[in-house]
Amino acid sequence: MPNREDAMAALFRQHYNELLRCARILLHDDEDARDAVGDVMARLMAAELLPDEDRLVAYARSSVRFECLNRIKRMKLHERMRRALPLDVSEQADDRGEEEEQYRLYQEFVRSELTPQIRRVFQMHYGERLKYREIAQMVGVSEATVYKYLSQAILKLKNRFNP
């Protein structure tokens, strides 16, 4: 019976391309697909128990599929949040003076009500248009933490400006 490292190495060598192809079909993005398969492989390596060798491939396929579906769900949620909180103040105000005042209020709120870390992540994502992965690397946190910070910021903004 091969040890855990051998089983994982065999899974990677023999099935990585298949798992990647499945992720690409679901996500329509090579980089996200590689990230999804890599995350699944990392979780399998860290798992205390692995399925039998004959079930490991099926388990990996299912894990990749669920990882991709979860990523799609997060993308949809992110898009819904973006639509729920229009950051383009020109949609909300009739004349230029009101637009400028509304924008100033947004900026003031972000400066005063968000923690420095959340404010930095929020500005990197919405101001600089960086992806979660890029922000996570630059700030030194996980992508899940970036998502959590952005969710908190959006919820606070929504509660303040769209009660």
Protein backbone atom coordinates (compact mmCIF):
# COMPACT_ATOMS: atom_id res chain seq x y z
CA MET A 1 0.00 0.00 0.00
CA PRO A 2 1.63 3.28 -1.07
CA ASN A 3 2.09 6.00 1.49
CA ARG A 4 0.20 9.27 1.48
CA GLU A 5 2.88 11.23 -0.41
CA ASP A 6 3.07 8.58 -3.12
CA ALA A 7 -0.71 8.54 -3.50
CA MET A 8 -0.82 12.33 -3.81
CA ALA A 9 2.09 12.39 -6.26
CA ALA A 10 0.38 9.76 -8.40
CA LEU A 11 -2.90 11.69 -8.27
CA PHE A 12 -1.13 14.86 -9.34
CA ARG A 13 0.88 13.22 -12.16
CA GLN A 14 -1.97 11.17 -13.58
CA HIS A 15 -5.00 13.39 -13.06
CA TYR A 16 -3.92 17.02 -12.76
CA ASN A 17 -4.67 17.83 -16.41
CA GLU A 18 -8.10 16.21 -16.17
CA LEU A 19 -8.92 18.14 -12.99
CA LEU A 20 -7.66 21.37 -14.55
CA ARG A 21 -9.75 20.80 -17.68
CA CYS A 22 -12.86 20.32 -15.53
CA ALA A 23 -12.11 23.52 -13.59
CA ARG A 24 -11.54 25.48 -16.82
CA ILE A 25 -14.89 24.33 -18.18
CA LEU A 26 -16.68 25.49 -15.04
CA LEU A 27 -14.79 28.72 -14.39
CA HIS A 28 -13.92 29.88 -17.93
CA ASP A 29 -10.62 31.27 -16.64
CA ASP A 30 -7.23 29.53 -16.71
CA GLU A 31 -5.80 31.30 -13.68
CA ASP A 32 -8.86 30.69 -11.51
CA ALA A 33 -8.94 27.07 -12.66
CA ARG A 34 -5.29 26.55 -11.68
CA ASP A 35 -5.98 28.20 -8.32
CA ALA A 36 -9.02 25.99 -7.70
CA VAL A 37 -7.16 22.76 -8.49
CA GLY A 38 -4.16 23.92 -6.47
CA ASP A 39 -6.38 24.71 -3.48
CA VAL A 40 -7.99 21.27 -3.66
CA MET A 41 -4.59 19.56 -3.89
CA ALA A 42 -3.32 21.57 -0.93
CA ARG A 43 -6.37 20.64 1.14
CA LEU A 44 -5.93 16.98 0.24
CA MET A 45 -2.27 17.11 1.26
CA ALA A 46 -3.23 18.70 4.58
CA ALA A 47 -6.11 16.29 5.25
CA GLU A 48 -5.53 13.82 8.04
CA LEU A 49 -7.41 11.05 6.29
CA LEU A 50 -7.48 10.33 2.58
CA PRO A 51 -9.96 8.05 0.84
CA ASP A 52 -8.76 4.69 -0.44
CA GLU A 53 -6.53 4.85 -3.48
CA ASP A 54 -9.37 3.72 -5.76
CA ARG A 55 -11.68 6.45 -4.38
CA LEU A 56 -9.10 9.22 -4.23
CA VAL A 57 -9.53 10.22 -7.89
CA ALA A 58 -13.32 10.42 -7.58
CA TYR A 59 -12.93 12.40 -4.36
CA ALA A 60 -10.52 14.82 -6.06
CA ARG A 61 -12.91 15.27 -9.01
CA SER A 62 -15.80 16.04 -6.67
CA SER A 63 -13.66 18.38 -4.62
CA VAL A 64 -12.59 20.34 -7.71
CA ARG A 65 -16.19 20.55 -8.88
CA PHE A 66 -17.39 21.87 -5.52
CA GLU A 67 -14.47 24.30 -5.28
CA CYS A 68 -15.38 25.70 -8.70
CA LEU A 69 -19.06 25.96 -7.80
CA ASN A 70 -18.17 27.79 -4.59
CA ARG A 71 -15.97 30.20 -6.55
CA ILE A 72 -18.82 30.85 -8.99
CA LYS A 73 -21.18 31.48 -6.08
CA ARG A 74 -18.71 33.96 -4.55
CA MET A 75 -18.34 35.73 -7.92
CA LYS A 76 -22.12 36.02 -8.23
CA LEU A 77 -22.38 37.36 -4.69
CA HIS A 78 -19.63 39.87 -5.39
CA GLU A 79 -21.46 41.06 -8.51
CA ARG A 80 -24.75 41.36 -6.59
CA MET A 81 -23.03 43.43 -3.92
CA ARG A 82 -21.50 45.67 -6.56
CA ARG A 83 -24.95 46.30 -8.08
CA ALA A 84 -26.60 46.80 -4.68
CA LEU A 85 -24.19 49.56 -3.74
CA PRO A 86 -23.60 51.80 -6.74
CA LEU A 87 -20.30 53.55 -6.23
CA ASP A 88 -20.85 55.73 -9.25
CA VAL A 89 -22.47 58.71 -7.56
CA SER A 90 -23.52 60.21 -10.89
CA GLU A 91 -26.37 57.67 -10.89
CA GLN A 92 -27.65 59.08 -7.59
CA ALA A 93 -27.42 62.84 -7.96
CA ASP A 94 -29.07 65.28 -10.34
CA ASP A 95 -26.58 68.10 -10.48
CA ARG A 96 -22.80 68.39 -10.21
CA GLY A 97 -22.79 69.96 -6.75
CA GLU A 98 -24.84 67.13 -5.29
CA GLU A 99 -22.58 64.57 -6.96
CA GLU A 100 -19.49 66.13 -5.47
CA GLU A 101 -21.09 66.32 -2.04
CA GLN A 102 -22.19 62.67 -2.19
CA TYR A 103 -18.72 61.59 -3.29
CA ARG A 104 -17.17 63.60 -0.46
CA LEU A 105 -19.54 61.90 2.00
CA TYR A 106 -18.50 58.46 0.70
CA GLN A 107 -14.84 59.34 1.06
CA GLU A 108 -15.35 60.76 4.53
CA PHE A 109 -17.26 57.68 5.61
CA VAL A 110 -14.57 55.34 4.25
CA ARG A 111 -11.85 57.36 6.01
CA SER A 112 -13.61 57.64 9.35
CA GLU A 113 -15.70 54.48 9.73
CA LEU A 114 -13.58 51.71 8.23
CA THR A 115 -10.59 50.25 10.03
CA PRO A 116 -7.24 50.97 8.35
CA GLN A 117 -6.91 47.37 7.10
CA ILE A 118 -10.46 47.21 5.71
CA ARG A 119 -10.07 50.68 4.18
CA ARG A 120 -6.82 49.65 2.49
CA VAL A 121 -8.37 46.47 1.03
CA PHE A 122 -11.49 48.39 -0.06
CA GLN A 123 -9.42 51.06 -1.84
CA MET A 124 -7.18 48.47 -3.48
CA HIS A 125 -10.15 46.57 -4.86
CA TYR A 126 -12.49 49.40 -5.88
CA GLY A 127 -9.97 52.18 -6.42
CA GLU A 128 -7.11 50.29 -8.01
CA ARG A 129 -9.28 47.46 -9.40
CA LEU A 130 -7.01 44.72 -8.00
CA LYS A 131 -8.21 41.12 -7.76
CA TYR A 132 -8.68 39.36 -4.43
CA ARG A 133 -5.55 37.26 -5.04
CA GLU A 134 -3.41 40.32 -5.75
CA ILE A 135 -4.69 42.11 -2.67
CA ALA A 136 -4.15 39.04 -0.49
CA GLN A 137 -0.53 38.80 -1.61
CA MET A 138 0.16 42.49 -1.12
CA VAL A 139 -1.53 42.75 2.28
CA GLY A 140 -0.38 39.36 3.54
CA VAL A 141 -3.80 37.83 4.26
CA SER A 142 -5.85 35.07 2.68
CA GLU A 143 -8.30 35.65 -0.16
CA ALA A 144 -11.09 34.70 2.26
CA THR A 145 -9.99 37.54 4.54
CA VAL A 146 -10.01 39.97 1.61
CA TYR A 147 -13.56 38.85 0.81
CA LYS A 148 -14.57 39.25 4.47
CA TYR A 149 -13.10 42.78 4.65
CA LEU A 150 -14.86 43.85 1.45
CA SER A 151 -18.15 42.38 2.66
CA GLN A 152 -17.85 44.31 5.92
CA ALA A 153 -17.06 47.56 4.10
CA ILE A 154 -19.93 47.17 1.66
CA LEU A 155 -22.38 46.29 4.41
CA LYS A 156 -21.37 49.40 6.38
CA LEU A 157 -21.65 51.61 3.30
CA LYS A 158 -24.97 50.11 2.34
CA ASN A 159 -26.38 50.56 5.84
CA ARG A 160 -25.22 54.18 5.92
CA PHE A 161 -26.14 55.32 2.40
CA ASN A 162 -28.90 52.92 1.33
CA PRO A 163 -30.83 52.14 4.56
